[in-house]
Amino acid sequence: QVQLVESGGGLVQPGGSLKLSCAASGTIFSNYIMAWHRQAPGKQRELVALVNSGGITNYLDSVKGRFTISRDNAKNTVYLQMNSLKPEDTAVYYCRAQRVGSLYAYWGQGTQVTVSA
């Protein structure tokens, strides 16, 4: 059973930074595609950033140049560094893990990010 625990959310002013972490347990982390999604009130959950098992990354257009996803396989952890935050980045951020070749995904419980003056 894969477990994902997110941390690092909070309240930040526009232009500020936050770093989210997602610690995985119960699996061989390096075999998994890791991703961050977010869901704002009244909106659908959207993919923010993804890093595959080879370290290749992909980003939502609106966060390119501001957010960076990275993974540390030795620590079974994926990160999302968020810079130049905007109010529209406010959402609950979720970590997702999906084993390469599998259609099943594991989700974390989510962490709230609020960008407000």
PDB file of N, CA and C in Angstrom:
ATOM      1  N   GLN A   1       0.845  -1.180   0.000  1.00  0.00           N
ATOM      2  CA  GLN A   1       0.000   0.000   0.000  1.00  0.00           C
ATOM      3  C   GLN A   1       0.891   1.243   0.000  1.00  0.00           C
ATOM      4  N   VAL A   2       0.688   2.101  -0.991  1.00  0.00           N
ATOM      5  CA  VAL A   2       1.453   3.332  -1.084  1.00  0.00           C
ATOM      6  C   VAL A   2       0.773   4.416  -0.261  1.00  0.00           C
ATOM      7  N   GLN A   3       1.546   5.098   0.521  1.00  0.00           N
ATOM      8  CA  GLN A   3       1.032   6.239   1.280  1.00  0.00           C
ATOM      9  C   GLN A   3       1.804   7.487   0.900  1.00  0.00           C
ATOM     10  N   LEU A   4       1.071   8.566   0.713  1.00  0.00           N
ATOM     11  CA  LEU A   4       1.659   9.855   0.354  1.00  0.00           C
ATOM     12  C   LEU A   4       1.261  10.889   1.394  1.00  0.00           C
ATOM     13  N   VAL A   5       2.236  11.622   1.885  1.00  0.00           N
ATOM     14  CA  VAL A   5       1.969  12.649   2.890  1.00  0.00           C
ATOM     15  C   VAL A   5       2.561  13.967   2.408  1.00  0.00           C
ATOM     16  N   GLU A   6       1.669  14.944   2.166  1.00  0.00           N
ATOM     17  CA  GLU A   6       2.109  16.259   1.710  1.00  0.00           C
ATOM     18  C   GLU A   6       2.340  17.176   2.904  1.00  0.00           C
ATOM     19  N   SER A   7       3.217  18.129   2.705  1.00  0.00           N
ATOM     20  CA  SER A   7       3.453  19.166   3.712  1.00  0.00           C
ATOM     21  C   SER A   7       3.983  20.411   3.012  1.00  0.00           C
ATOM     22  N   GLY A   8       3.976  21.529   3.747  1.00  0.00           N
ATOM     23  CA  GLY A   8       4.573  22.745   3.227  1.00  0.00           C
ATOM     24  C   GLY A   8       3.604  23.814   2.778  1.00  0.00           C
ATOM     25  N   GLY A   9       2.318  23.525   2.811  1.00  0.00           N
ATOM     26  CA  GLY A   9       1.349  24.541   2.418  1.00  0.00           C
ATOM     27  C   GLY A   9       1.234  25.628   3.464  1.00  0.00           C
ATOM     28  N   GLY A  10       0.486  26.671   3.123  1.00  0.00           N
ATOM     29  CA  GLY A  10       0.293  27.762   4.065  1.00  0.00           C
ATOM     30  C   GLY A  10      -0.198  29.005   3.390  1.00  0.00           C
ATOM     31  N   LEU A  11      -0.125  30.100   4.133  1.00  0.00           N
ATOM     32  CA  LEU A  11      -0.545  31.415   3.642  1.00  0.00           C
ATOM     33  C   LEU A  11       0.695  32.218   3.253  1.00  0.00           C
ATOM     34  N   VAL A  12       0.669  32.791   2.062  1.00  0.00           N
ATOM     35  CA  VAL A  12       1.806  33.567   1.587  1.00  0.00           C
ATOM     36  C   VAL A  12       1.290  34.769   0.818  1.00  0.00           C
ATOM     37  N   GLN A  13       2.038  35.848   0.846  1.00  0.00           N
ATOM     38  CA  GLN A  13       1.649  37.045   0.108  1.00  0.00           C
ATOM     39  C   GLN A  13       1.960  36.887  -1.374  1.00  0.00           C
ATOM     40  N   PRO A  14       1.246  37.600  -2.229  1.00  0.00           N
ATOM     41  CA  PRO A  14       1.577  37.570  -3.665  1.00  0.00           C
ATOM     42  C   PRO A  14       3.044  37.905  -3.889  1.00  0.00           C
ATOM     43  N   GLY A  15       3.671  37.145  -4.779  1.00  0.00           N
ATOM     44  CA  GLY A  15       5.093  37.313  -5.039  1.00  0.00           C
ATOM     45  C   GLY A  15       5.983  36.461  -4.165  1.00  0.00           C
ATOM     46  N   GLY A  16       5.403  35.833  -3.175  1.00  0.00           N
ATOM     47  CA  GLY A  16       6.168  35.015  -2.252  1.00  0.00           C
ATOM     48  C   GLY A  16       6.425  33.606  -2.780  1.00  0.00           C
ATOM     49  N   SER A  17       7.048  32.804  -1.930  1.00  0.00           N
ATOM     50  CA  SER A  17       7.422  31.441  -2.314  1.00  0.00           C
ATOM     51  C   SER A  17       6.993  30.444  -1.250  1.00  0.00           C
ATOM     52  N   LEU A  18       6.746  29.237  -1.702  1.00  0.00           N
ATOM     53  CA  LEU A  18       6.498  28.092  -0.825  1.00  0.00           C
ATOM     54  C   LEU A  18       7.126  26.867  -1.459  1.00  0.00           C
ATOM     55  N   LYS A  19       7.495  25.909  -0.621  1.00  0.00           N
ATOM     56  CA  LYS A  19       7.999  24.637  -1.137  1.00  0.00           C
ATOM     57  C   LYS A  19       7.172  23.514  -0.530  1.00  0.00           C
ATOM     58  N   LEU A  20       6.494  22.773  -1.399  1.00  0.00           N
ATOM     59  CA  LEU A  20       5.705  21.632  -0.969  1.00  0.00           C
ATOM     60  C   LEU A  20       6.546  20.369  -1.036  1.00  0.00           C
ATOM     61  N   SER A  21       6.277  19.463  -0.119  1.00  0.00           N
ATOM     62  CA  SER A  21       6.936  18.172  -0.106  1.00  0.00           C
ATOM     63  C   SER A  21       5.890  17.071  -0.074  1.00  0.00           C
ATOM     64  N   CYS A  22       6.223  15.949  -0.683  1.00  0.00           N
ATOM     65  CA  CYS A  22       5.344  14.780  -0.662  1.00  0.00           C
ATOM     66  C   CYS A  22       6.228  13.570  -0.402  1.00  0.00           C
ATOM     67  N   ALA A  23       6.060  12.990   0.763  1.00  0.00           N
ATOM     68  CA  ALA A  23       6.846  11.829   1.150  1.00  0.00           C
ATOM     69  C   ALA A  23       6.050  10.558   0.879  1.00  0.00           C
ATOM     70  N   ALA A  24       6.679   9.629   0.181  1.00  0.00           N
ATOM     71  CA  ALA A  24       6.024   8.373  -0.177  1.00  0.00           C
ATOM     72  C   ALA A  24       6.580   7.225   0.642  1.00  0.00           C
ATOM     73  N   SER A  25       5.728   6.278   0.956  1.00  0.00           N
ATOM     74  CA  SER A  25       6.161   5.068   1.665  1.00  0.00           C
ATOM     75  C   SER A  25       5.431   3.864   1.097  1.00  0.00           C
ATOM     76  N   GLY A  26       6.016   2.698   1.300  1.00  0.00           N
ATOM     77  CA  GLY A  26       5.343   1.478   0.900  1.00  0.00           C
ATOM     78  C   GLY A  26       5.586   1.044  -0.523  1.00  0.00           C
ATOM     79  N   THR A  27       6.595   1.622  -1.180  1.00  0.00           N
ATOM     80  CA  THR A  27       6.819   1.255  -2.563  1.00  0.00           C
ATOM     81  C   THR A  27       8.236   1.596  -2.983  1.00  0.00           C
ATOM     82  N   ILE A  28       8.603   1.116  -4.181  1.00  0.00           N
ATOM     83  CA  ILE A  28       9.886   1.505  -4.768  1.00  0.00           C
ATOM     84  C   ILE A  28       9.651   2.813  -5.500  1.00  0.00           C
ATOM     85  N   PHE A  29       9.973   3.891  -4.866  1.00  0.00           N
ATOM     86  CA  PHE A  29       9.624   5.229  -5.312  1.00  0.00           C
ATOM     87  C   PHE A  29      10.132   5.522  -6.718  1.00  0.00           C
ATOM     88  N   SER A  30      11.307   5.056  -7.042  1.00  0.00           N
ATOM     89  CA  SER A  30      11.922   5.413  -8.317  1.00  0.00           C
ATOM     90  C   SER A  30      11.153   4.859  -9.513  1.00  0.00           C
ATOM     91  N   ASN A  31      10.277   3.883  -9.303  1.00  0.00           N
ATOM     92  CA  ASN A  31       9.486   3.302 -10.385  1.00  0.00           C
ATOM     93  C   ASN A  31       8.198   4.073 -10.667  1.00  0.00           C
ATOM     94  N   TYR A  32       7.994   5.166  -9.973  1.00  0.00           N
ATOM     95  CA  TYR A  32       6.734   5.887 -10.058  1.00  0.00           C
ATOM     96  C   TYR A  32       6.875   7.227 -10.757  1.00  0.00           C
ATOM     97  N   ILE A  33       5.845   7.544 -11.538  1.00  0.00           N
ATOM     98  CA  ILE A  33       5.658   8.909 -12.012  1.00  0.00           C
ATOM     99  C   ILE A  33       5.048   9.681 -10.850  1.00  0.00           C
ATOM    100  N   MET A  34       5.604  10.844 -10.564  1.00  0.00           N
ATOM    101  CA  MET A  34       5.113  11.681  -9.472  1.00  0.00           C
ATOM    102  C   MET A  34       4.585  12.989 -10.032  1.00  0.00           C
ATOM    103  N   ALA A  35       3.493  13.458  -9.454  1.00  0.00           N
ATOM    104  CA  ALA A  35       2.875  14.675  -9.971  1.00  0.00           C
ATOM    105  C   ALA A  35       2.234  15.472  -8.851  1.00  0.00           C
ATOM    106  N   TRP A  36       2.078  16.756  -9.121  1.00  0.00           N
ATOM    107  CA  TRP A  36       1.307  17.648  -8.260  1.00  0.00           C
ATOM    108  C   TRP A  36       0.094  18.130  -9.049  1.00  0.00           C
ATOM    109  N   HIS A  37      -1.053  18.071  -8.411  1.00  0.00           N
ATOM    110  CA  HIS A  37      -2.298  18.607  -8.941  1.00  0.00           C
ATOM    111  C   HIS A  37      -2.798  19.660  -7.959  1.00  0.00           C
ATOM    112  N   ARG A  38      -3.748  20.456  -8.410  1.00  0.00           N
ATOM    113  CA  ARG A  38      -4.380  21.411  -7.506  1.00  0.00           C
ATOM    114  C   ARG A  38      -5.851  21.535  -7.844  1.00  0.00           C
ATOM    115  N   GLN A  39      -6.602  21.915  -6.828  1.00  0.00           N
ATOM    116  CA  GLN A  39      -8.035  22.125  -7.022  1.00  0.00           C
ATOM    117  C   GLN A  39      -8.458  23.352  -6.242  1.00  0.00           C
ATOM    118  N   ALA A  40      -8.930  24.341  -6.968  1.00  0.00           N
ATOM    119  CA  ALA A  40      -9.447  25.557  -6.361  1.00  0.00           C
ATOM    120  C   ALA A  40     -10.950  25.401  -6.141  1.00  0.00           C
ATOM    121  N   PRO A  41     -11.529  26.150  -5.220  1.00  0.00           N
ATOM    122  CA  PRO A  41     -12.967  26.041  -4.957  1.00  0.00           C
ATOM    123  C   PRO A  41     -13.786  26.246  -6.225  1.00  0.00           C
ATOM    124  N   GLY A  42     -14.711  25.320  -6.482  1.00  0.00           N
ATOM    125  CA  GLY A  42     -15.583  25.439  -7.634  1.00  0.00           C
ATOM    126  C   GLY A  42     -14.949  25.083  -8.960  1.00  0.00           C
ATOM    127  N   LYS A  43     -13.709  24.613  -8.929  1.00  0.00           N
ATOM    128  CA  LYS A  43     -13.016  24.275 -10.172  1.00  0.00           C
ATOM    129  C   LYS A  43     -12.596  22.808 -10.167  1.00  0.00           C
ATOM    130  N   GLN A  44     -12.314  22.299 -11.348  1.00  0.00           N
ATOM    131  CA  GLN A  44     -11.851  20.932 -11.464  1.00  0.00           C
ATOM    132  C   GLN A  44     -10.388  20.828 -11.051  1.00  0.00           C
ATOM    133  N   ARG A  45     -10.016  19.654 -10.606  1.00  0.00           N
ATOM    134  CA  ARG A  45      -8.611  19.403 -10.277  1.00  0.00           C
ATOM    135  C   ARG A  45      -7.797  19.433 -11.563  1.00  0.00           C
ATOM    136  N   GLU A  46      -6.631  20.090 -11.490  1.00  0.00           N
ATOM    137  CA  GLU A  46      -5.797  20.197 -12.682  1.00  0.00           C
ATOM    138  C   GLU A  46      -4.369  19.769 -12.379  1.00  0.00           C
ATOM    139  N   LEU A  47      -3.712  19.250 -13.406  1.00  0.00           N
ATOM    140  CA  LEU A  47      -2.318  18.856 -13.277  1.00  0.00           C
ATOM    141  C   LEU A  47      -1.437  20.093 -13.297  1.00  0.00           C
ATOM    142  N   VAL A  48      -0.590  20.225 -12.310  1.00  0.00           N
ATOM    143  CA  VAL A  48       0.300  21.378 -12.212  1.00  0.00           C
ATOM    144  C   VAL A  48       1.690  21.035 -12.742  1.00  0.00           C
ATOM    145  N   ALA A  49       2.230  19.909 -12.301  1.00  0.00           N
ATOM    146  CA  ALA A  49       3.578  19.527 -12.705  1.00  0.00           C
ATOM    147  C   ALA A  49       3.743  18.026 -12.532  1.00  0.00           C
ATOM    148  N   LEU A  50       4.618  17.465 -13.355  1.00  0.00           N
ATOM    149  CA  LEU A  50       4.845  16.021 -13.342  1.00  0.00           C
ATOM    150  C   LEU A  50       6.322  15.752 -13.574  1.00  0.00           C
ATOM    151  N   VAL A  51       6.823  14.720 -12.906  1.00  0.00           N
ATOM    152  CA  VAL A  51       8.197  14.271 -13.165  1.00  0.00           C
ATOM    153  C   VAL A  51       8.160  12.759 -13.309  1.00  0.00           C
ATOM    154  N   ASN A  52       8.704  12.252 -14.407  1.00  0.00           N
ATOM    155  CA  ASN A  52       8.652  10.804 -14.602  1.00  0.00           C
ATOM    156  C   ASN A  52       9.848  10.119 -13.937  1.00  0.00           C
ATOM    157  N   SER A  53       9.910   8.830 -14.106  1.00  0.00           N
ATOM    158  CA  SER A  53      10.952   8.067 -13.416  1.00  0.00           C
ATOM    159  C   SER A  53      12.340   8.413 -13.932  1.00  0.00           C
ATOM    160  N   GLY A  54      12.396   8.988 -15.133  1.00  0.00           N
ATOM    161  CA  GLY A  54      13.673   9.393 -15.696  1.00  0.00           C
ATOM    162  C   GLY A  54      14.055  10.822 -15.409  1.00  0.00           C
ATOM    163  N   GLY A  55      13.187  11.527 -14.673  1.00  0.00           N
ATOM    164  CA  GLY A  55      13.478  12.918 -14.321  1.00  0.00           C
ATOM    165  C   GLY A  55      12.961  13.944 -15.304  1.00  0.00           C
ATOM    166  N   ILE A  56      12.251  13.506 -16.332  1.00  0.00           N
ATOM    167  CA  ILE A  56      11.683  14.452 -17.295  1.00  0.00           C
ATOM    168  C   ILE A  56      10.461  15.119 -16.670  1.00  0.00           C
ATOM    169  N   THR A  57      10.358  16.420 -16.848  1.00  0.00           N
ATOM    170  CA  THR A  57       9.294  17.191 -16.214  1.00  0.00           C
ATOM    171  C   THR A  57       8.337  17.798 -17.236  1.00  0.00           C
ATOM    172  N   ASN A  58       7.146  18.114 -16.748  1.00  0.00           N
ATOM    173  CA  ASN A  58       6.153  18.793 -17.568  1.00  0.00           C
ATOM    174  C   ASN A  58       5.351  19.693 -16.654  1.00  0.00           C
ATOM    175  N   TYR A  59       4.920  20.863 -17.187  1.00  0.00           N
ATOM    176  CA  TYR A  59       4.247  21.856 -16.355  1.00  0.00           C
ATOM    177  C   TYR A  59       3.004  22.410 -17.023  1.00  0.00           C
ATOM    178  N   LEU A  60       2.058  22.795 -16.185  1.00  0.00           N
ATOM    179  CA  LEU A  60       0.920  23.594 -16.615  1.00  0.00           C
ATOM    180  C   LEU A  60       1.463  24.913 -17.150  1.00  0.00           C
ATOM    181  N   ASP A  61       0.916  25.393 -18.261  1.00  0.00           N
ATOM    182  CA  ASP A  61       1.451  26.608 -18.874  1.00  0.00           C
ATOM    183  C   ASP A  61       1.507  27.782 -17.906  1.00  0.00           C
ATOM    184  N   SER A  62       0.500  27.917 -17.076  1.00  0.00           N
ATOM    185  CA  SER A  62       0.411  29.099 -16.209  1.00  0.00           C
ATOM    186  C   SER A  62       1.448  29.098 -15.081  1.00  0.00           C
ATOM    187  N   VAL A  63       2.141  27.983 -14.864  1.00  0.00           N
ATOM    188  CA  VAL A  63       3.142  27.930 -13.798  1.00  0.00           C
ATOM    189  C   VAL A  63       4.565  27.804 -14.343  1.00  0.00           C
ATOM    190  N   LYS A  64       4.697  27.669 -15.647  1.00  0.00           N
ATOM    191  CA  LYS A  64       6.031  27.535 -16.238  1.00  0.00           C
ATOM    192  C   LYS A  64       6.881  28.759 -15.916  1.00  0.00           C
ATOM    193  N   GLY A  65       8.112  28.495 -15.498  1.00  0.00           N
ATOM    194  CA  GLY A  65       9.016  29.574 -15.123  1.00  0.00           C
ATOM    195  C   GLY A  65       8.870  30.019 -13.684  1.00  0.00           C
ATOM    196  N   ARG A  66       7.827  29.579 -13.004  1.00  0.00           N
ATOM    197  CA  ARG A  66       7.607  29.939 -11.601  1.00  0.00           C
ATOM    198  C   ARG A  66       7.704  28.737 -10.674  1.00  0.00           C
ATOM    199  N   PHE A  67       7.236  27.598 -11.129  1.00  0.00           N
ATOM    200  CA  PHE A  67       7.230  26.389 -10.299  1.00  0.00           C
ATOM    201  C   PHE A  67       8.282  25.404 -10.813  1.00  0.00           C
ATOM    202  N   THR A  68       8.858  24.648  -9.893  1.00  0.00           N
ATOM    203  CA  THR A  68       9.813  23.614 -10.259  1.00  0.00           C
ATOM    204  C   THR A  68       9.507  22.341  -9.475  1.00  0.00           C
ATOM    205  N   ILE A  69       9.314  21.248 -10.199  1.00  0.00           N
ATOM    206  CA  ILE A  69       9.108  19.956  -9.560  1.00  0.00           C
ATOM    207  C   ILE A  69      10.433  19.205  -9.566  1.00  0.00           C
ATOM    208  N   SER A  70      10.704  18.513  -8.479  1.00  0.00           N
ATOM    209  CA  SER A  70      11.922  17.711  -8.389  1.00  0.00           C
ATOM    210  C   SER A  70      11.645  16.497  -7.513  1.00  0.00           C
ATOM    211  N   ARG A  71      12.520  15.513  -7.640  1.00  0.00           N
ATOM    212  CA  ARG A  71      12.340  14.304  -6.845  1.00  0.00           C
ATOM    213  C   ARG A  71      13.689  13.872  -6.276  1.00  0.00           C
ATOM    214  N   ASP A  72      13.634  13.304  -5.086  1.00  0.00           N
ATOM    215  CA  ASP A  72      14.812  12.747  -4.445  1.00  0.00           C
ATOM    216  C   ASP A  72      14.486  11.278  -4.165  1.00  0.00           C
ATOM    217  N   ASN A  73      14.954  10.396  -5.018  1.00  0.00           N
ATOM    218  CA  ASN A  73      14.602   8.988  -4.879  1.00  0.00           C
ATOM    219  C   ASN A  73      15.188   8.374  -3.607  1.00  0.00           C
ATOM    220  N   ALA A  74      16.304   8.904  -3.140  1.00  0.00           N
ATOM    221  CA  ALA A  74      16.897   8.380  -1.907  1.00  0.00           C
ATOM    222  C   ALA A  74      16.026   8.688  -0.688  1.00  0.00           C
ATOM    223  N   LYS A  75      15.271   9.781  -0.775  1.00  0.00           N
ATOM    224  CA  LYS A  75      14.401  10.179   0.340  1.00  0.00           C
ATOM    225  C   LYS A  75      12.943   9.856   0.066  1.00  0.00           C
ATOM    226  N   ASN A  76      12.650   9.244  -1.086  1.00  0.00           N
ATOM    227  CA  ASN A  76      11.263   8.920  -1.449  1.00  0.00           C
ATOM    228  C   ASN A  76      10.364  10.149  -1.373  1.00  0.00           C
ATOM    229  N   THR A  77      10.874  11.258  -1.876  1.00  0.00           N
ATOM    230  CA  THR A  77      10.157  12.526  -1.732  1.00  0.00           C
ATOM    231  C   THR A  77      10.161  13.285  -3.052  1.00  0.00           C
ATOM    232  N   VAL A  78       9.020  13.911  -3.336  1.00  0.00           N
ATOM    233  CA  VAL A  78       8.914  14.807  -4.480  1.00  0.00           C
ATOM    234  C   VAL A  78       8.591  16.192  -3.935  1.00  0.00           C
ATOM    235  N   TYR A  79       9.133  17.198  -4.589  1.00  0.00           N
ATOM    236  CA  TYR A  79       8.976  18.585  -4.143  1.00  0.00           C
ATOM    237  C   TYR A  79       8.323  19.427  -5.223  1.00  0.00           C
ATOM    238  N   LEU A  80       7.708  20.510  -4.777  1.00  0.00           N
ATOM    239  CA  LEU A  80       7.229  21.526  -5.705  1.00  0.00           C
ATOM    240  C   LEU A  80       7.649  22.873  -5.139  1.00  0.00           C
ATOM    241  N   GLN A  81       8.653  23.466  -5.772  1.00  0.00           N
ATOM    242  CA  GLN A  81       9.083  24.811  -5.399  1.00  0.00           C
ATOM    243  C   GLN A  81       8.233  25.811  -6.161  1.00  0.00           C
ATOM    244  N   MET A  82       7.550  26.664  -5.437  1.00  0.00           N
ATOM    245  CA  MET A  82       6.636  27.623  -6.047  1.00  0.00           C
ATOM    246  C   MET A  82       7.123  29.029  -5.745  1.00  0.00           C
ATOM    247  N   ASN A  83       7.483  29.759  -6.788  1.00  0.00           N
ATOM    248  CA  ASN A  83       7.960  31.135  -6.660  1.00  0.00           C
ATOM    249  C   ASN A  83       7.000  32.085  -7.351  1.00  0.00           C
ATOM    250  N   SER A  84       7.130  33.358  -7.046  1.00  0.00           N
ATOM    251  CA  SER A  84       6.295  34.393  -7.667  1.00  0.00           C
ATOM    252  C   SER A  84       4.822  34.003  -7.621  1.00  0.00           C
ATOM    253  N   LEU A  85       4.383  33.601  -6.460  1.00  0.00           N
ATOM    254  CA  LEU A  85       3.013  33.119  -6.317  1.00  0.00           C
ATOM    255  C   LEU A  85       1.997  34.222  -6.554  1.00  0.00           C
ATOM    256  N   LYS A  86       0.877  33.797  -7.135  1.00  0.00           N
ATOM    257  CA  LYS A  86      -0.211  34.713  -7.472  1.00  0.00           C
ATOM    258  C   LYS A  86      -1.481  34.262  -6.746  1.00  0.00           C
ATOM    259  N   PRO A  87      -2.420  35.179  -6.547  1.00  0.00           N
ATOM    260  CA  PRO A  87      -3.679  34.774  -5.898  1.00  0.00           C
ATOM    261  C   PRO A  87      -4.370  33.618  -6.614  1.00  0.00           C
ATOM    262  N   GLU A  88      -4.234  33.548  -7.920  1.00  0.00           N
ATOM    263  CA  GLU A  88      -4.873  32.468  -8.671  1.00  0.00           C
ATOM    264  C   GLU A  88      -4.199  31.116  -8.463  1.00  0.00           C
ATOM    265  N   ASP A  89      -3.085  31.080  -7.753  1.00  0.00           N
ATOM    266  CA  ASP A  89      -2.464  29.813  -7.379  1.00  0.00           C
ATOM    267  C   ASP A  89      -3.103  29.215  -6.124  1.00  0.00           C
ATOM    268  N   THR A  90      -3.992  29.968  -5.510  1.00  0.00           N
ATOM    269  CA  THR A  90      -4.654  29.477  -4.311  1.00  0.00           C
ATOM    270  C   THR A  90      -5.469  28.228  -4.621  1.00  0.00           C
ATOM    271  N   ALA A  91      -5.212  27.166  -3.872  1.00  0.00           N
ATOM    272  CA  ALA A  91      -5.879  25.883  -4.107  1.00  0.00           C
ATOM    273  C   ALA A  91      -5.403  24.874  -3.067  1.00  0.00           C
ATOM    274  N   VAL A  92      -6.062  23.739  -3.057  1.00  0.00           N
ATOM    275  CA  VAL A  92      -5.525  22.589  -2.341  1.00  0.00           C
ATOM    276  C   VAL A  92      -4.632  21.839  -3.320  1.00  0.00           C
ATOM    277  N   TYR A  93      -3.415  21.572  -2.906  1.00  0.00           N
ATOM    278  CA  TYR A  93      -2.446  20.898  -3.760  1.00  0.00           C
ATOM    279  C   TYR A  93      -2.331  19.429  -3.331  1.00  0.00           C
ATOM    280  N   TYR A  94      -2.427  18.554  -4.326  1.00  0.00           N
ATOM    281  CA  TYR A  94      -2.404  17.124  -4.082  1.00  0.00           C
ATOM    282  C   TYR A  94      -1.206  16.476  -4.779  1.00  0.00           C
ATOM    283  N   CYS A  95      -0.623  15.527  -4.120  1.00  0.00           N
ATOM    284  CA  CYS A  95       0.453  14.726  -4.681  1.00  0.00           C
ATOM    285  C   CYS A  95      -0.144  13.443  -5.262  1.00  0.00           C
ATOM    286  N   ARG A  96       0.347  13.036  -6.416  1.00  0.00           N
ATOM    287  CA  ARG A  96      -0.106  11.787  -7.050  1.00  0.00           C
ATOM    288  C   ARG A  96       1.092  10.921  -7.405  1.00  0.00           C
ATOM    289  N   ALA A  97       0.941   9.631  -7.176  1.00  0.00           N
ATOM    290  CA  ALA A  97       1.968   8.660  -7.551  1.00  0.00           C
ATOM    291  C   ALA A  97       1.339   7.589  -8.428  1.00  0.00           C
ATOM    292  N   GLN A  98       2.023   7.284  -9.524  1.00  0.00           N
ATOM    293  CA  GLN A  98       1.481   6.291 -10.454  1.00  0.00           C
ATOM    294  C   GLN A  98       2.641   5.445 -10.969  1.00  0.00           C
ATOM    295  N   ARG A  99       2.555   4.152 -10.711  1.00  0.00           N
ATOM    296  CA  ARG A  99       3.639   3.267 -11.140  1.00  0.00           C
ATOM    297  C   ARG A  99       3.697   3.236 -12.668  1.00  0.00           C
ATOM    298  N   VAL A 100       4.859   3.238 -13.208  1.00  0.00           N
ATOM    299  CA  VAL A 100       5.042   3.194 -14.656  1.00  0.00           C
ATOM    300  C   VAL A 100       4.320   1.971 -15.216  1.00  0.00           C
ATOM    301  N   GLY A 101       3.455   2.182 -16.206  1.00  0.00           N
ATOM    302  CA  GLY A 101       2.708   1.103 -16.843  1.00  0.00           C
ATOM    303  C   GLY A 101       1.384   0.772 -16.187  1.00  0.00           C
ATOM    304  N   SER A 102       1.082   1.431 -15.066  1.00  0.00           N
ATOM    305  CA  SER A 102      -0.173   1.177 -14.362  1.00  0.00           C
ATOM    306  C   SER A 102      -1.165   2.305 -14.593  1.00  0.00           C
ATOM    307  N   LEU A 103      -2.453   1.979 -14.585  1.00  0.00           N
ATOM    308  CA  LEU A 103      -3.503   2.992 -14.703  1.00  0.00           C
ATOM    309  C   LEU A 103      -3.966   3.478 -13.330  1.00  0.00           C
ATOM    310  N   TYR A 104      -3.495   2.834 -12.271  1.00  0.00           N
ATOM    311  CA  TYR A 104      -3.958   3.184 -10.941  1.00  0.00           C
ATOM    312  C   TYR A 104      -3.053   4.250 -10.343  1.00  0.00           C
ATOM    313  N   ALA A 105      -3.683   5.229  -9.680  1.00  0.00           N
ATOM    314  CA  ALA A 105      -2.928   6.315  -9.052  1.00  0.00           C
ATOM    315  C   ALA A 105      -3.228   6.392  -7.568  1.00  0.00           C
ATOM    316  N   TYR A 106      -2.220   6.738  -6.821  1.00  0.00           N
ATOM    317  CA  TYR A 106      -2.367   7.002  -5.394  1.00  0.00           C
ATOM    318  C   TYR A 106      -2.340   8.506  -5.175  1.00  0.00           C
ATOM    319  N   TRP A 107      -3.116   8.955  -4.203  1.00  0.00           N
ATOM    320  CA  TRP A 107      -3.223  10.386  -3.920  1.00  0.00           C
ATOM    321  C   TRP A 107      -2.921  10.669  -2.456  1.00  0.00           C
ATOM    322  N   GLY A 108      -2.335  11.821  -2.228  1.00  0.00           N
ATOM    323  CA  GLY A 108      -2.175  12.310  -0.877  1.00  0.00           C
ATOM    324  C   GLY A 108      -3.438  12.995  -0.405  1.00  0.00           C
ATOM    325  N   GLN A 109      -3.407  13.476   0.832  1.00  0.00           N
ATOM    326  CA  GLN A 109      -4.598  14.071   1.426  1.00  0.00           C
ATOM    327  C   GLN A 109      -4.763  15.544   1.046  1.00  0.00           C
ATOM    328  N   GLY A 110      -3.737  16.143   0.488  1.00  0.00           N
ATOM    329  CA  GLY A 110      -3.803  17.532   0.060  1.00  0.00           C
ATOM    330  C   GLY A 110      -3.262  18.495   1.098  1.00  0.00           C
ATOM    331  N   THR A 111      -2.738  19.607   0.611  1.00  0.00           N
ATOM    332  CA  THR A 111      -2.253  20.670   1.483  1.00  0.00           C
ATOM    333  C   THR A 111      -2.719  22.011   0.905  1.00  0.00           C
ATOM    334  N   GLN A 112      -3.229  22.872   1.773  1.00  0.00           N
ATOM    335  CA  GLN A 112      -3.809  24.140   1.334  1.00  0.00           C
ATOM    336  C   GLN A 112      -2.713  25.172   1.082  1.00  0.00           C
ATOM    337  N   VAL A 113      -2.803  25.810  -0.066  1.00  0.00           N
ATOM    338  CA  VAL A 113      -1.941  26.952  -0.386  1.00  0.00           C
ATOM    339  C   VAL A 113      -2.849  28.153  -0.626  1.00  0.00           C
ATOM    340  N   THR A 114      -2.631  29.205   0.138  1.00  0.00           N
ATOM    341  CA  THR A 114      -3.415  30.425   0.007  1.00  0.00           C
ATOM    342  C   THR A 114      -2.481  31.592  -0.265  1.00  0.00           C
ATOM    343  N   VAL A 115      -2.732  32.276  -1.380  1.00  0.00           N
ATOM    344  CA  VAL A 115      -1.920  33.428  -1.759  1.00  0.00           C
ATOM    345  C   VAL A 115      -2.801  34.669  -1.634  1.00  0.00           C
ATOM    346  N   SER A 116      -2.492  35.474  -0.648  1.00  0.00           N
ATOM    347  CA  SER A 116      -3.341  36.628  -0.362  1.00  0.00           C
ATOM    348  C   SER A 116      -2.546  37.679   0.381  1.00  0.00           C
ATOM    349  N   ALA A 117      -2.920  38.940   0.101  1.00  0.00           N
ATOM    350  CA  ALA A 117      -2.290  40.047   0.826  1.00  0.00           C
ATOM    351  C   ALA A 117      -2.976  40.254   2.170  1.00  0.00           C
TER     352      ALA A 117
END
